[in-house]
C-alpha atoms as a PDB file:
ATOM      1  CA  MET A   1       3.697  36.216 -18.290  1.00  0.00           C
ATOM      2  CA  THR A   2       4.942  39.384 -19.965  1.00  0.00           C
ATOM      3  CA  ASN A   3       4.069  39.996 -23.575  1.00  0.00           C
ATOM      4  CA  THR A   4       6.014  43.219 -24.070  1.00  0.00           C
ATOM      5  CA  ARG A   5       8.236  41.602 -26.697  1.00  0.00           C
ATOM      6  CA  PHE A   6       5.347  40.393 -28.865  1.00  0.00           C
ATOM      7  CA  GLY A   7       5.809  41.547 -32.459  1.00  0.00           C
ATOM      8  CA  SER A   8       9.294  42.864 -31.691  1.00  0.00           C
ATOM      9  CA  ALA A   9      11.420  40.961 -34.221  1.00  0.00           C
ATOM     10  CA  THR A  10      13.304  43.203 -36.640  1.00  0.00           C
ATOM     11  CA  VAL A  11      14.297  42.599 -40.260  1.00  0.00           C
ATOM     12  CA  GLU A  12      17.290  44.245 -41.924  1.00  0.00           C
ATOM     13  CA  LEU A  13      18.785  43.835 -45.398  1.00  0.00           C
ATOM     14  CA  PRO A  14      22.585  44.082 -44.977  1.00  0.00           C
ATOM     15  CA  THR A  15      23.281  43.291 -48.659  1.00  0.00           C
ATOM     16  CA  ASP A  16      21.319  42.534 -51.814  1.00  0.00           C
ATOM     17  CA  THR A  17      21.371  38.830 -50.978  1.00  0.00           C
ATOM     18  CA  GLN A  18      20.943  38.807 -47.196  1.00  0.00           C
ATOM     19  CA  ILE A  19      18.153  39.036 -44.616  1.00  0.00           C
ATOM     20  CA  LEU A  20      19.070  39.660 -40.978  1.00  0.00           C
ATOM     21  CA  ILE A  21      16.451  38.810 -38.341  1.00  0.00           C
ATOM     22  CA  THR A  22      16.841  39.835 -34.682  1.00  0.00           C
ATOM     23  CA  ARG A  23      14.596  38.938 -31.743  1.00  0.00           C
ATOM     24  CA  ARG A  24      15.108  38.998 -27.978  1.00  0.00           C
ATOM     25  CA  PHE A  25      13.648  36.408 -25.620  1.00  0.00           C
ATOM     26  CA  ASP A  26      13.346  36.485 -21.832  1.00  0.00           C
ATOM     27  CA  ALA A  27      15.001  33.103 -21.411  1.00  0.00           C
ATOM     28  CA  PRO A  28      18.515  31.661 -21.142  1.00  0.00           C
ATOM     29  CA  ALA A  29      20.294  30.699 -24.361  1.00  0.00           C
ATOM     30  CA  SER A  30      20.324  27.013 -23.445  1.00  0.00           C
ATOM     31  CA  LEU A  31      16.534  26.991 -23.159  1.00  0.00           C
ATOM     32  CA  VAL A  32      16.092  28.856 -26.453  1.00  0.00           C
ATOM     33  CA  PHE A  33      18.467  26.469 -28.228  1.00  0.00           C
ATOM     34  CA  THR A  34      16.548  23.473 -26.888  1.00  0.00           C
ATOM     35  CA  ALA A  35      13.260  24.966 -28.065  1.00  0.00           C
ATOM     36  CA  LEU A  36      14.749  25.559 -31.532  1.00  0.00           C
ATOM     37  CA  THR A  37      16.085  22.038 -31.949  1.00  0.00           C
ATOM     38  CA  THR A  38      13.730  19.626 -30.147  1.00  0.00           C
ATOM     39  CA  PRO A  39      10.834  18.275 -32.248  1.00  0.00           C
ATOM     40  CA  GLU A  40       8.304  18.177 -29.394  1.00  0.00           C
ATOM     41  CA  HIS A  41       8.940  21.895 -28.812  1.00  0.00           C
ATOM     42  CA  VAL A  42       9.219  22.952 -32.454  1.00  0.00           C
ATOM     43  CA  ARG A  43       5.792  21.465 -33.147  1.00  0.00           C
ATOM     44  CA  ARG A  44       4.325  23.906 -30.632  1.00  0.00           C
ATOM     45  CA  TRP A  45       5.735  27.153 -31.995  1.00  0.00           C
ATOM     46  CA  TRP A  46       6.872  26.885 -35.609  1.00  0.00           C
ATOM     47  CA  GLY A  47       4.513  28.381 -38.197  1.00  0.00           C
ATOM     48  CA  TRP A  48       1.008  29.754 -37.971  1.00  0.00           C
ATOM     49  CA  SER A  49      -1.209  28.535 -35.136  1.00  0.00           C
ATOM     50  CA  SER A  50      -3.948  27.842 -37.723  1.00  0.00           C
ATOM     51  CA  SER A  51      -1.725  25.227 -39.371  1.00  0.00           C
ATOM     52  CA  GLU A  52      -0.792  21.746 -38.201  1.00  0.00           C
ATOM     53  CA  MET A  53       2.799  20.538 -38.276  1.00  0.00           C
ATOM     54  CA  ILE A  54       2.528  16.994 -39.594  1.00  0.00           C
ATOM     55  CA  VAL A  55       6.264  16.306 -40.007  1.00  0.00           C
ATOM     56  CA  CYS A  56       9.020  17.520 -37.708  1.00  0.00           C
ATOM     57  CA  ASP A  57      12.236  15.568 -38.239  1.00  0.00           C
ATOM     58  CA  ILE A  58      15.480  16.835 -36.681  1.00  0.00           C
ATOM     59  CA  ASP A  59      18.802  14.984 -36.825  1.00  0.00           C
ATOM     60  CA  LEU A  60      20.834  17.425 -34.748  1.00  0.00           C
ATOM     61  CA  ARG A  61      24.433  16.866 -35.837  1.00  0.00           C
ATOM     62  CA  VAL A  62      26.761  18.270 -38.435  1.00  0.00           C
ATOM     63  CA  GLY A  63      25.662  16.611 -41.652  1.00  0.00           C
ATOM     64  CA  GLY A  64      22.269  15.780 -40.129  1.00  0.00           C
ATOM     65  CA  ARG A  65      19.113  16.863 -41.880  1.00  0.00           C
ATOM     66  CA  TRP A  66      15.870  18.479 -40.791  1.00  0.00           C
ATOM     67  CA  ARG A  67      12.442  18.616 -42.427  1.00  0.00           C
ATOM     68  CA  TYR A  68       9.180  20.331 -41.502  1.00  0.00           C
ATOM     69  CA  VAL A  69       5.824  19.886 -43.231  1.00  0.00           C
ATOM     70  CA  VAL A  70       2.738  21.891 -42.291  1.00  0.00           C
ATOM     71  CA  ARG A  71      -0.873  21.508 -43.381  1.00  0.00           C
ATOM     72  CA  ASP A  72      -2.925  24.710 -43.471  1.00  0.00           C
ATOM     73  CA  GLU A  73      -6.602  25.134 -42.679  1.00  0.00           C
ATOM     74  CA  HIS A  74      -7.488  24.452 -46.317  1.00  0.00           C
ATOM     75  CA  GLY A  75      -5.653  21.134 -46.378  1.00  0.00           C
ATOM     76  CA  SER A  76      -2.688  22.330 -48.455  1.00  0.00           C
ATOM     77  CA  GLU A  77       0.725  21.027 -47.397  1.00  0.00           C
ATOM     78  CA  PHE A  78       4.032  22.913 -47.464  1.00  0.00           C
ATOM     79  CA  GLY A  79       7.488  21.565 -46.740  1.00  0.00           C
ATOM     80  CA  TRP A  80      10.917  22.879 -45.822  1.00  0.00           C
ATOM     81  CA  HIS A  81      14.158  20.984 -45.344  1.00  0.00           C
ATOM     82  CA  GLY A  82      17.862  21.535 -44.839  1.00  0.00           C
ATOM     83  CA  GLU A  83      21.152  20.221 -43.527  1.00  0.00           C
ATOM     84  CA  TYR A  84      23.190  21.291 -40.502  1.00  0.00           C
ATOM     85  CA  THR A  85      26.701  22.430 -41.408  1.00  0.00           C
ATOM     86  CA  GLU A  86      27.815  23.912 -38.062  1.00  0.00           C
ATOM     87  CA  LEU A  87      26.630  23.325 -34.488  1.00  0.00           C
ATOM     88  CA  ASP A  88      28.039  24.908 -31.353  1.00  0.00           C
ATOM     89  CA  ALA A  89      25.295  24.612 -28.712  1.00  0.00           C
ATOM     90  CA  PRO A  90      23.874  26.779 -27.376  1.00  0.00           C
ATOM     91  CA  GLY A  91      25.414  29.703 -29.196  1.00  0.00           C
ATOM     92  CA  ARG A  92      25.548  29.001 -32.923  1.00  0.00           C
ATOM     93  CA  MET A  93      23.842  26.912 -35.569  1.00  0.00           C
ATOM     94  CA  VAL A  94      24.270  26.978 -39.356  1.00  0.00           C
ATOM     95  CA  SER A  95      22.043  25.103 -41.778  1.00  0.00           C
ATOM     96  CA  SER A  96      20.698  25.269 -45.286  1.00  0.00           C
ATOM     97  CA  GLU A  97      16.994  25.918 -45.827  1.00  0.00           C
ATOM     98  CA  VAL A  98      14.980  24.892 -48.862  1.00  0.00           C
ATOM     99  CA  PHE A  99      11.314  25.723 -49.318  1.00  0.00           C
ATOM    100  CA  GLU A 100      10.107  22.728 -51.295  1.00  0.00           C
ATOM    101  CA  GLY A 101       7.735  24.882 -53.339  1.00  0.00           C
ATOM    102  CA  PHE A 102      10.773  26.728 -54.786  1.00  0.00           C
ATOM    103  CA  PRO A 103      13.654  24.270 -54.490  1.00  0.00           C
ATOM    104  CA  ASP A 104      16.134  26.443 -56.411  1.00  0.00           C
ATOM    105  CA  ALA A 105      15.881  29.331 -53.918  1.00  0.00           C
ATOM    106  CA  ALA A 106      17.837  27.773 -51.032  1.00  0.00           C
ATOM    107  CA  SER A 107      19.439  29.915 -48.346  1.00  0.00           C
ATOM    108  CA  LEU A 108      22.194  29.322 -45.821  1.00  0.00           C
ATOM    109  CA  ASN A 109      21.009  30.394 -42.357  1.00  0.00           C
ATOM    110  CA  THR A 110      23.375  31.306 -39.537  1.00  0.00           C
ATOM    111  CA  THR A 111      21.643  31.565 -36.157  1.00  0.00           C
ATOM    112  CA  THR A 112      23.439  32.913 -33.091  1.00  0.00           C
ATOM    113  CA  LEU A 113      22.178  33.104 -29.508  1.00  0.00           C
ATOM    114  CA  THR A 114      23.801  35.637 -27.183  1.00  0.00           C
ATOM    115  CA  GLU A 115      22.743  35.735 -23.538  1.00  0.00           C
ATOM    116  CA  ALA A 116      23.059  38.677 -21.154  1.00  0.00           C
ATOM    117  CA  ASP A 117      21.283  39.056 -17.802  1.00  0.00           C
ATOM    118  CA  GLY A 118      18.834  36.270 -18.593  1.00  0.00           C
ATOM    119  CA  VAL A 119      17.818  37.738 -21.974  1.00  0.00           C
ATOM    120  CA  THR A 120      18.841  35.933 -25.150  1.00  0.00           C
ATOM    121  CA  THR A 121      19.271  37.803 -28.419  1.00  0.00           C
ATOM    122  CA  LEU A 122      18.616  35.592 -31.425  1.00  0.00           C
ATOM    123  CA  THR A 123      19.964  36.649 -34.803  1.00  0.00           C
ATOM    124  CA  THR A 124      19.487  34.730 -38.024  1.00  0.00           C
ATOM    125  CA  LEU A 125      21.373  35.780 -41.138  1.00  0.00           C
ATOM    126  CA  ALA A 126      19.787  34.222 -44.236  1.00  0.00           C
ATOM    127  CA  GLN A 127      22.248  34.231 -47.139  1.00  0.00           C
ATOM    128  CA  HIS A 128      20.578  33.820 -50.542  1.00  0.00           C
ATOM    129  CA  THR A 129      22.320  33.206 -53.844  1.00  0.00           C
ATOM    130  CA  CYS A 130      20.776  36.220 -55.597  1.00  0.00           C
ATOM    131  CA  ARG A 131      18.624  39.265 -54.959  1.00  0.00           C
ATOM    132  CA  GLU A 132      15.667  37.730 -56.783  1.00  0.00           C
ATOM    133  CA  HIS A 133      15.538  34.829 -54.347  1.00  0.00           C
ATOM    134  CA  ARG A 134      15.974  37.095 -51.330  1.00  0.00           C
ATOM    135  CA  ASP A 135      13.141  39.373 -52.499  1.00  0.00           C
ATOM    136  CA  GLY A 136      10.956  36.365 -53.201  1.00  0.00           C
ATOM    137  CA  HIS A 137      11.482  35.271 -49.603  1.00  0.00           C
ATOM    138  CA  LEU A 138      10.436  38.691 -48.315  1.00  0.00           C
ATOM    139  CA  GLU A 139       7.434  38.999 -50.625  1.00  0.00           C
ATOM    140  CA  ALA A 140       6.077  35.599 -49.560  1.00  0.00           C
ATOM    141  CA  GLY A 141       4.906  37.089 -46.239  1.00  0.00           C
ATOM    142  CA  MET A 142       8.006  36.134 -44.301  1.00  0.00           C
ATOM    143  CA  GLU A 143       7.885  38.987 -41.787  1.00  0.00           C
ATOM    144  CA  ALA A 144       4.280  38.489 -40.649  1.00  0.00           C
ATOM    145  CA  GLY A 145       4.797  34.755 -40.290  1.00  0.00           C
ATOM    146  CA  MET A 146       8.070  35.311 -38.426  1.00  0.00           C
ATOM    147  CA  GLN A 147       6.478  37.701 -35.908  1.00  0.00           C
ATOM    148  CA  HIS A 148       3.682  35.227 -35.234  1.00  0.00           C
ATOM    149  CA  THR A 149       5.954  32.210 -34.895  1.00  0.00           C
ATOM    150  CA  PHE A 150       8.407  34.027 -32.596  1.00  0.00           C
ATOM    151  CA  ASP A 151       5.524  35.174 -30.404  1.00  0.00           C
ATOM    152  CA  ARG A 152       4.447  31.538 -30.118  1.00  0.00           C
ATOM    153  CA  LEU A 153       8.036  30.628 -29.213  1.00  0.00           C
ATOM    154  CA  GLN A 154       8.013  33.292 -26.491  1.00  0.00           C
ATOM    155  CA  VAL A 155       4.894  31.758 -24.955  1.00  0.00           C
ATOM    156  CA  LEU A 156       6.516  28.321 -24.970  1.00  0.00           C
ATOM    157  CA  LEU A 157       9.710  29.658 -23.393  1.00  0.00           C
ATOM    158  CA  ALA A 158       7.740  31.348 -20.622  1.00  0.00           C
ATOM    159  CA  GLU A 159       6.019  28.051 -19.890  1.00  0.00           C
ATOM    160  CA  GLN A 160       9.265  26.079 -20.031  1.00  0.00           C
ATOM    161  CA  GLY A 161      11.000  28.634 -17.821  1.00  0.00           C
ATOM    162  CA  SER A 162       8.377  28.452 -15.069  1.00  0.00           C
ATOM    163  CA  VAL A 163       9.059  26.246 -12.063  1.00  0.00           C
ATOM    164  CA  ALA A 164       6.322  23.886 -13.276  1.00  0.00           C
ATOM    165  CA  GLY A 165       7.915  23.636 -16.713  1.00  0.00           C
ATOM    166  CA  ARG A 166      11.409  23.239 -15.314  1.00  0.00           C
ATOM    167  CA  TYR A 167      10.267  20.532 -12.901  1.00  0.00           C
ATOM    168  CA  ARG A 168       8.414  18.705 -15.688  1.00  0.00           C
ATOM    169  CA  ARG A 169      11.565  18.547 -17.840  1.00  0.00           C
ATOM    170  CA  VAL A 170      13.890  17.391 -15.057  1.00  0.00           C
ATOM    171  CA  ALA A 171      11.396  14.854 -13.712  1.00  0.00           C
ATOM    172  CA  ALA A 172      10.825  13.484 -17.204  1.00  0.00           C
ATOM    173  CA  GLY A 173      14.546  12.811 -17.425  1.00  0.00           C
ATOM    174  CA  PHE A 174      14.545  10.896 -14.139  1.00  0.00           C
ATOM    175  CA  THR A 175      11.429   8.972 -15.194  1.00  0.00           C
ATOM    176  CA  ALA A 176      13.024   7.927 -18.472  1.00  0.00           C
ATOM    177  CA  VAL A 177      16.121   6.636 -16.684  1.00  0.00           C
ATOM    178  CA  ALA A 178      14.062   4.821 -14.036  1.00  0.00           C
ATOM    179  CA  ALA A 179      11.935   3.158 -16.717  1.00  0.00           C
ATOM    180  CA  ALA A 180      15.056   1.751 -18.357  1.00  0.00           C
ATOM    181  CA  VAL A 181      16.506   0.175 -15.196  1.00  0.00           C
ATOM    182  CA  PRO A 182      16.694  -3.596 -15.781  1.00  0.00           C
ATOM    183  CA  PHE A 183      15.058  -6.033 -13.395  1.00  0.00           C
ATOM    184  CA  ASP A 184      18.240  -6.602 -11.392  1.00  0.00           C
ATOM    185  CA  GLY A 185      19.503  -3.037 -11.817  1.00  0.00           C
ATOM    186  CA  TRP A 186      18.054  -1.589  -8.630  1.00  0.00           C
ATOM    187  CA  GLN A 187      20.658  -3.429  -6.553  1.00  0.00           C
ATOM    188  CA  ARG A 188      23.649  -2.164  -8.513  1.00  0.00           C
ATOM    189  CA  PRO A 189      26.135   0.124  -6.709  1.00  0.00           C
ATOM    190  CA  ALA A 190      25.476   3.843  -7.132  1.00  0.00           C
ATOM    191  CA  PRO A 191      28.008   6.706  -7.289  1.00  0.00           C
ATOM    192  CA  CYS A 192      26.892   7.814  -3.799  1.00  0.00           C
ATOM    193  CA  VAL A 193      29.096   5.859  -1.397  1.00  0.00           C
ATOM    194  CA  GLY A 194      27.265   2.964   0.254  1.00  0.00           C
ATOM    195  CA  TRP A 195      24.160   3.332  -1.928  1.00  0.00           C
ATOM    196  CA  VAL A 196      22.629   1.069  -4.524  1.00  0.00           C
ATOM    197  CA  ALA A 197      20.353   2.346  -7.273  1.00  0.00           C
ATOM    198  CA  ARG A 198      17.215   1.724  -5.182  1.00  0.00           C
ATOM    199  CA  ASP A 199      18.572   4.061  -2.493  1.00  0.00           C
ATOM    200  CA  ILE A 200      18.481   7.003  -4.908  1.00  0.00           C
ATOM    201  CA  VAL A 201      14.695   6.760  -5.060  1.00  0.00           C
ATOM    202  CA  ARG A 202      14.557   6.018  -1.333  1.00  0.00           C
ATOM    203  CA  HIS A 203      16.485   9.225  -0.653  1.00  0.00           C
ATOM    204  CA  LEU A 204      14.036  11.329  -2.690  1.00  0.00           C
ATOM    205  CA  VAL A 205      10.980   9.713  -1.139  1.00  0.00           C
ATOM    206  CA  GLU A 206      12.339  10.045   2.390  1.00  0.00           C
ATOM    207  CA  TRP A 207      13.548  13.658   2.320  1.00  0.00           C
ATOM    208  CA  VAL A 208      11.317  15.610  -0.080  1.00  0.00           C
ATOM    209  CA  PRO A 209       7.873  15.074   1.539  1.00  0.00           C
ATOM    210  CA  PRO A 210       8.959  15.898   5.127  1.00  0.00           C
ATOM    211  CA  PHE A 211      10.985  18.877   3.833  1.00  0.00           C
ATOM    212  CA  LEU A 212       7.901  20.377   2.167  1.00  0.00           C
ATOM    213  CA  GLN A 213       5.706  19.424   5.130  1.00  0.00           C
ATOM    214  CA  ALA A 214       8.029  21.200   7.563  1.00  0.00           C
ATOM    215  CA  GLY A 215       8.428  24.315   5.442  1.00  0.00           C
ATOM    216  CA  ALA A 216       4.937  24.834   4.031  1.00  0.00           C
ATOM    217  CA  GLY A 217       2.606  22.240   5.514  1.00  0.00           C
ATOM    218  CA  CYS A 218       2.361  20.349   2.212  1.00  0.00           C
ATOM    219  CA  ASP A 219       0.939  16.844   2.466  1.00  0.00           C
ATOM    220  CA  LEU A 220       2.056  14.755  -0.514  1.00  0.00           C
ATOM    221  CA  GLY A 221       0.017  11.804   0.741  1.00  0.00           C
ATOM    222  CA  PRO A 222       1.084   8.192   1.284  1.00  0.00           C
ATOM    223  CA  LEU A 223       3.637   6.869  -1.201  1.00  0.00           C
ATOM    224  CA  PRO A 224       4.221   3.263  -2.293  1.00  0.00           C
ATOM    225  CA  SER A 225       7.081   1.371  -0.708  1.00  0.00           C
ATOM    226  CA  VAL A 226      10.471   1.801  -2.356  1.00  0.00           C
ATOM    227  CA  ALA A 227      11.305  -1.745  -1.238  1.00  0.00           C
ATOM    228  CA  ASP A 228       8.332  -3.089  -3.200  1.00  0.00           C
ATOM    229  CA  SER A 229       8.721  -0.908  -6.295  1.00  0.00           C
ATOM    230  CA  PRO A 230      11.129   2.014  -6.719  1.00  0.00           C
ATOM    231  CA  SER A 231       9.422   2.924  -9.989  1.00  0.00           C
ATOM    232  CA  ALA A 232       5.973   3.105  -8.393  1.00  0.00           C
ATOM    233  CA  ALA A 233       7.301   5.107  -5.452  1.00  0.00           C
ATOM    234  CA  TRP A 234       8.966   7.595  -7.779  1.00  0.00           C
ATOM    235  CA  ALA A 235       5.880   7.859 -10.018  1.00  0.00           C
ATOM    236  CA  ALA A 236       3.697   8.734  -7.030  1.00  0.00           C
ATOM    237  CA  LEU A 237       6.154  11.316  -5.706  1.00  0.00           C
ATOM    238  CA  ASP A 238       6.538  12.813  -9.185  1.00  0.00           C
ATOM    239  CA  SER A 239       2.769  13.097  -9.650  1.00  0.00           C
ATOM    240  CA  ALA A 240       2.354  14.805  -6.271  1.00  0.00           C
ATOM    241  CA  LEU A 241       5.166  17.275  -6.939  1.00  0.00           C
ATOM    242  CA  GLN A 242       3.950  18.085 -10.447  1.00  0.00           C
ATOM    243  CA  SER A 243       0.448  18.754  -9.128  1.00  0.00           C
ATOM    244  CA  LEU A 244       1.931  21.044  -6.496  1.00  0.00           C
ATOM    245  CA  VAL A 245       3.964  23.168  -8.938  1.00  0.00           C
ATOM    246  CA  ASP A 246       1.133  23.220 -11.485  1.00  0.00           C
ATOM    247  CA  ASP A 247      -1.150  24.858  -8.902  1.00  0.00           C
ATOM    248  CA  PRO A 248      -0.964  28.664  -9.476  1.00  0.00           C
ATOM    249  CA  SER A 249      -1.447  29.279  -5.767  1.00  0.00           C
ATOM    250  CA  THR A 250       1.884  27.602  -4.975  1.00  0.00           C
ATOM    251  CA  ALA A 251       3.747  30.777  -5.940  1.00  0.00           C
ATOM    252  CA  HIS A 252       1.887  32.620  -3.167  1.00  0.00           C
ATOM    253  CA  VAL A 253       2.500  30.067  -0.408  1.00  0.00           C
ATOM    254  CA  GLU A 254       5.319  30.887   2.004  1.00  0.00           C
ATOM    255  CA  PHE A 255       7.956  28.241   2.648  1.00  0.00           C
ATOM    256  CA  SER A 256       9.779  28.757   5.947  1.00  0.00           C
ATOM    257  CA  HIS A 257      12.364  26.271   7.162  1.00  0.00           C
ATOM    258  CA  PRO A 258      14.903  26.613  10.005  1.00  0.00           C
ATOM    259  CA  GLN A 259      17.780  25.446   7.796  1.00  0.00           C
ATOM    260  CA  ALA A 260      16.582  26.491   4.331  1.00  0.00           C
ATOM    261  CA  GLY A 261      15.201  29.946   5.112  1.00  0.00           C
ATOM    262  CA  VAL A 262      12.086  31.722   3.846  1.00  0.00           C
ATOM    263  CA  HIS A 263      11.047  31.547   0.175  1.00  0.00           C
ATOM    264  CA  PRO A 264       7.957  31.318  -1.998  1.00  0.00           C
ATOM    265  CA  LEU A 265       7.069  27.625  -2.117  1.00  0.00           C
ATOM    266  CA  ASP A 266       7.713  27.291  -5.852  1.00  0.00           C
ATOM    267  CA  GLY A 267      11.059  29.037  -5.377  1.00  0.00           C
ATOM    268  CA  ALA A 268      11.999  26.575  -2.639  1.00  0.00           C
ATOM    269  CA  ILE A 269      11.158  23.654  -4.909  1.00  0.00           C
ATOM    270  CA  ALA A 270      13.310  25.152  -7.660  1.00  0.00           C
ATOM    271  CA  MET A 271      16.180  25.955  -5.303  1.00  0.00           C
ATOM    272  CA  PHE A 272      16.393  22.773  -3.253  1.00  0.00           C
ATOM    273  CA  ILE A 273      14.622  19.947  -5.066  1.00  0.00           C
ATOM    274  CA  LEU A 274      15.336  20.463  -8.767  1.00  0.00           C
ATOM    275  CA  GLY A 275      19.109  20.367  -8.415  1.00  0.00           C
ATOM    276  CA  ASP A 276      18.990  17.278  -6.230  1.00  0.00           C
ATOM    277  CA  LEU A 277      16.745  15.506  -8.727  1.00  0.00           C
ATOM    278  CA  LEU A 278      18.965  16.570 -11.619  1.00  0.00           C
ATOM    279  CA  VAL A 279      22.163  15.182 -10.123  1.00  0.00           C
ATOM    280  CA  HIS A 280      20.452  12.004  -8.931  1.00  0.00           C
ATOM    281  CA  THR A 281      19.262  11.423 -12.497  1.00  0.00           C
ATOM    282  CA  TRP A 282      22.934  11.148 -13.412  1.00  0.00           C
ATOM    283  CA  ASP A 283      23.550   8.907 -10.400  1.00  0.00           C
ATOM    284  CA  LEU A 284      20.774   6.494 -11.394  1.00  0.00           C
ATOM    285  CA  ALA A 285      21.865   6.421 -15.019  1.00  0.00           C
ATOM    286  CA  THR A 286      25.473   5.790 -14.037  1.00  0.00           C
ATOM    287  CA  ALA A 287      24.546   3.075 -11.550  1.00  0.00           C
ATOM    288  CA  THR A 288      22.500   1.206 -14.149  1.00  0.00           C
ATOM    289  CA  GLY A 289      24.827   1.589 -17.131  1.00  0.00           C
ATOM    290  CA  GLN A 290      22.859   4.222 -18.992  1.00  0.00           C
ATOM    291  CA  GLY A 291      24.208   7.283 -20.739  1.00  0.00           C
ATOM    292  CA  VAL A 292      22.220  10.414 -19.990  1.00  0.00           C
ATOM    293  CA  VAL A 293      22.203  14.000 -21.238  1.00  0.00           C
ATOM    294  CA  LEU A 294      20.799  16.183 -18.477  1.00  0.00           C
ATOM    295  CA  ASP A 295      18.606  19.205 -19.161  1.00  0.00           C
ATOM    296  CA  ALA A 296      21.052  21.836 -20.411  1.00  0.00           C
ATOM    297  CA  ASP A 297      19.257  24.814 -18.882  1.00  0.00           C
ATOM    298  CA  GLU A 298      19.131  23.230 -15.429  1.00  0.00           C
ATOM    299  CA  VAL A 299      22.755  22.106 -15.708  1.00  0.00           C
ATOM    300  CA  HIS A 300      23.750  25.692 -16.453  1.00  0.00           C
ATOM    301  CA  ARG A 301      21.617  27.144 -13.650  1.00  0.00           C
ATOM    302  CA  MET A 302      22.994  24.695 -11.109  1.00  0.00           C
ATOM    303  CA  ARG A 303      26.634  25.023 -12.159  1.00  0.00           C
ATOM    304  CA  VAL A 304      26.503  28.810 -11.976  1.00  0.00           C
ATOM    305  CA  GLY A 305      24.737  28.575  -8.619  1.00  0.00           C
ATOM    306  CA  ILE A 306      27.084  26.184  -6.832  1.00  0.00           C
ATOM    307  CA  GLU A 307      30.443  26.997  -8.423  1.00  0.00           C
ATOM    308  CA  PRO A 308      31.150  29.967  -6.121  1.00  0.00           C
ATOM    309  CA  ILE A 309      30.225  27.971  -2.987  1.00  0.00           C
ATOM    310  CA  THR A 310      31.766  24.561  -3.704  1.00  0.00           C
ATOM    311  CA  ALA A 311      34.175  24.868  -0.757  1.00  0.00           C
ATOM    312  CA  MET A 312      31.311  25.532   1.632  1.00  0.00           C
ATOM    313  CA  LEU A 313      29.246  22.680   0.179  1.00  0.00           C
ATOM    314  CA  SER A 314      32.100  20.188   0.547  1.00  0.00           C
ATOM    315  CA  GLN A 315      33.012  21.389   4.053  1.00  0.00           C
ATOM    316  CA  SER A 316      29.392  20.981   5.150  1.00  0.00           C
ATOM    317  CA  GLY A 317      29.336  17.417   3.833  1.00  0.00           C
ATOM    318  CA  HIS A 318      26.687  18.214   1.244  1.00  0.00           C
ATOM    319  CA  TYR A 319      29.085  17.131  -1.503  1.00  0.00           C
ATOM    320  CA  HIS A 320      32.567  15.658  -1.614  1.00  0.00           C
ATOM    321  CA  ALA A 321      35.405  17.892  -2.777  1.00  0.00           C
ATOM    322  CA  PRO A 322      35.243  18.815  -6.488  1.00  0.00           C
ATOM    323  CA  VAL A 323      36.943  16.498  -8.972  1.00  0.00           C
ATOM    324  CA  ALA A 324      39.409  17.977 -11.465  1.00  0.00           C
ATOM    325  CA  VAL A 325      38.315  17.846 -15.115  1.00  0.00           C
ATOM    326  CA  PRO A 326      39.898  19.195 -18.330  1.00  0.00           C
ATOM    327  CA  ALA A 327      39.450  22.920 -18.955  1.00  0.00           C
ATOM    328  CA  ASP A 328      37.488  22.199 -22.137  1.00  0.00           C
ATOM    329  CA  ALA A 329      35.055  19.753 -20.457  1.00  0.00           C
ATOM    330  CA  ASP A 330      31.395  20.251 -21.323  1.00  0.00           C
ATOM    331  CA  GLU A 331      29.119  21.916 -18.788  1.00  0.00           C
ATOM    332  CA  GLN A 332      27.427  18.709 -17.640  1.00  0.00           C
ATOM    333  CA  THR A 333      30.806  17.140 -16.889  1.00  0.00           C
ATOM    334  CA  ARG A 334      31.876  20.258 -15.012  1.00  0.00           C
ATOM    335  CA  LEU A 335      28.712  20.228 -12.907  1.00  0.00           C
ATOM    336  CA  ILE A 336      29.024  16.556 -11.991  1.00  0.00           C
ATOM    337  CA  ALA A 337      32.659  17.128 -11.025  1.00  0.00           C
ATOM    338  CA  LEU A 338      31.689  20.084  -8.816  1.00  0.00           C
ATOM    339  CA  THR A 339      29.477  17.740  -6.788  1.00  0.00           C
ATOM    340  CA  GLY A 340      32.469  15.513  -6.032  1.00  0.00           C
ATOM    341  CA  ARG A 341      31.452  12.786  -8.475  1.00  0.00           C
ATOM    342  CA  GLN A 342      33.796  11.258 -11.041  1.00  0.00           C
ATOM    343  CA  PRO A 343      32.223  12.087 -14.440  1.00  0.00           C
END
């Protein structure tokens, strides 16, 4: 993991009442936005590492509120809260911010994320009501704390952007959908023609292990019967795959397959397995009457990857022909339509 951006955030003072913060991250904007707005991630990077975040509430919608409370090493607690006034994921977010120790010194923070060549530039413009409040913000040690917290965010993004981190997020989505399938849900028709929900798990269990065995000699071991328990079969496959991508040596193993080509093993998993698992998460959710929001970073990666080759993919029988959707459809809808499914 590179650390060349550690300590690289900049602070400017455009006016007497403003603070402008800029920081670049080696990660796509969708991943940065998720890390900024998901409690389980925020708990891992926000604030000093010597402090414990004991409250992290985020209601991510216009009019929704957020609140963070940290406890330092001396046991003192400090709180911040605010309300979202604009949200345009993953590029823009506007919210108020109130430090509860000085409730009259609120600011309005406008955060933008601009991505170019896989690097996301974050800017936050903090608008205070007067110079006194702005200077109080600066004099409270804001810059040192900001550098530290952004460095922690960079570490998290590197982890989340690894194949192991990407697989963990996508697999967690499939696991959550599978866990919510009702008792009789596994026999419900699936979007894939001729399949029921159970067949989605059967497909994964039947093609992934022999694919990895043929390309890299990986033995994922015996898996439970899909007929007996789709959930157990998926859990075993998931555990085996996660162990494989968590192993640092996987990046140095060559994967060579007559149809799929030659790749590092972790690259092959990212290229061929993640996208399949992502789309089949939607299939399983749709088959069993569940709404699902797929991982935004993986949706973006896959859409950009397959959009130029959709004709080839449909001609080869990999997908059906793309389905037309409105020009302003969200990216998940556009991806699902590209795979020939009706969103």
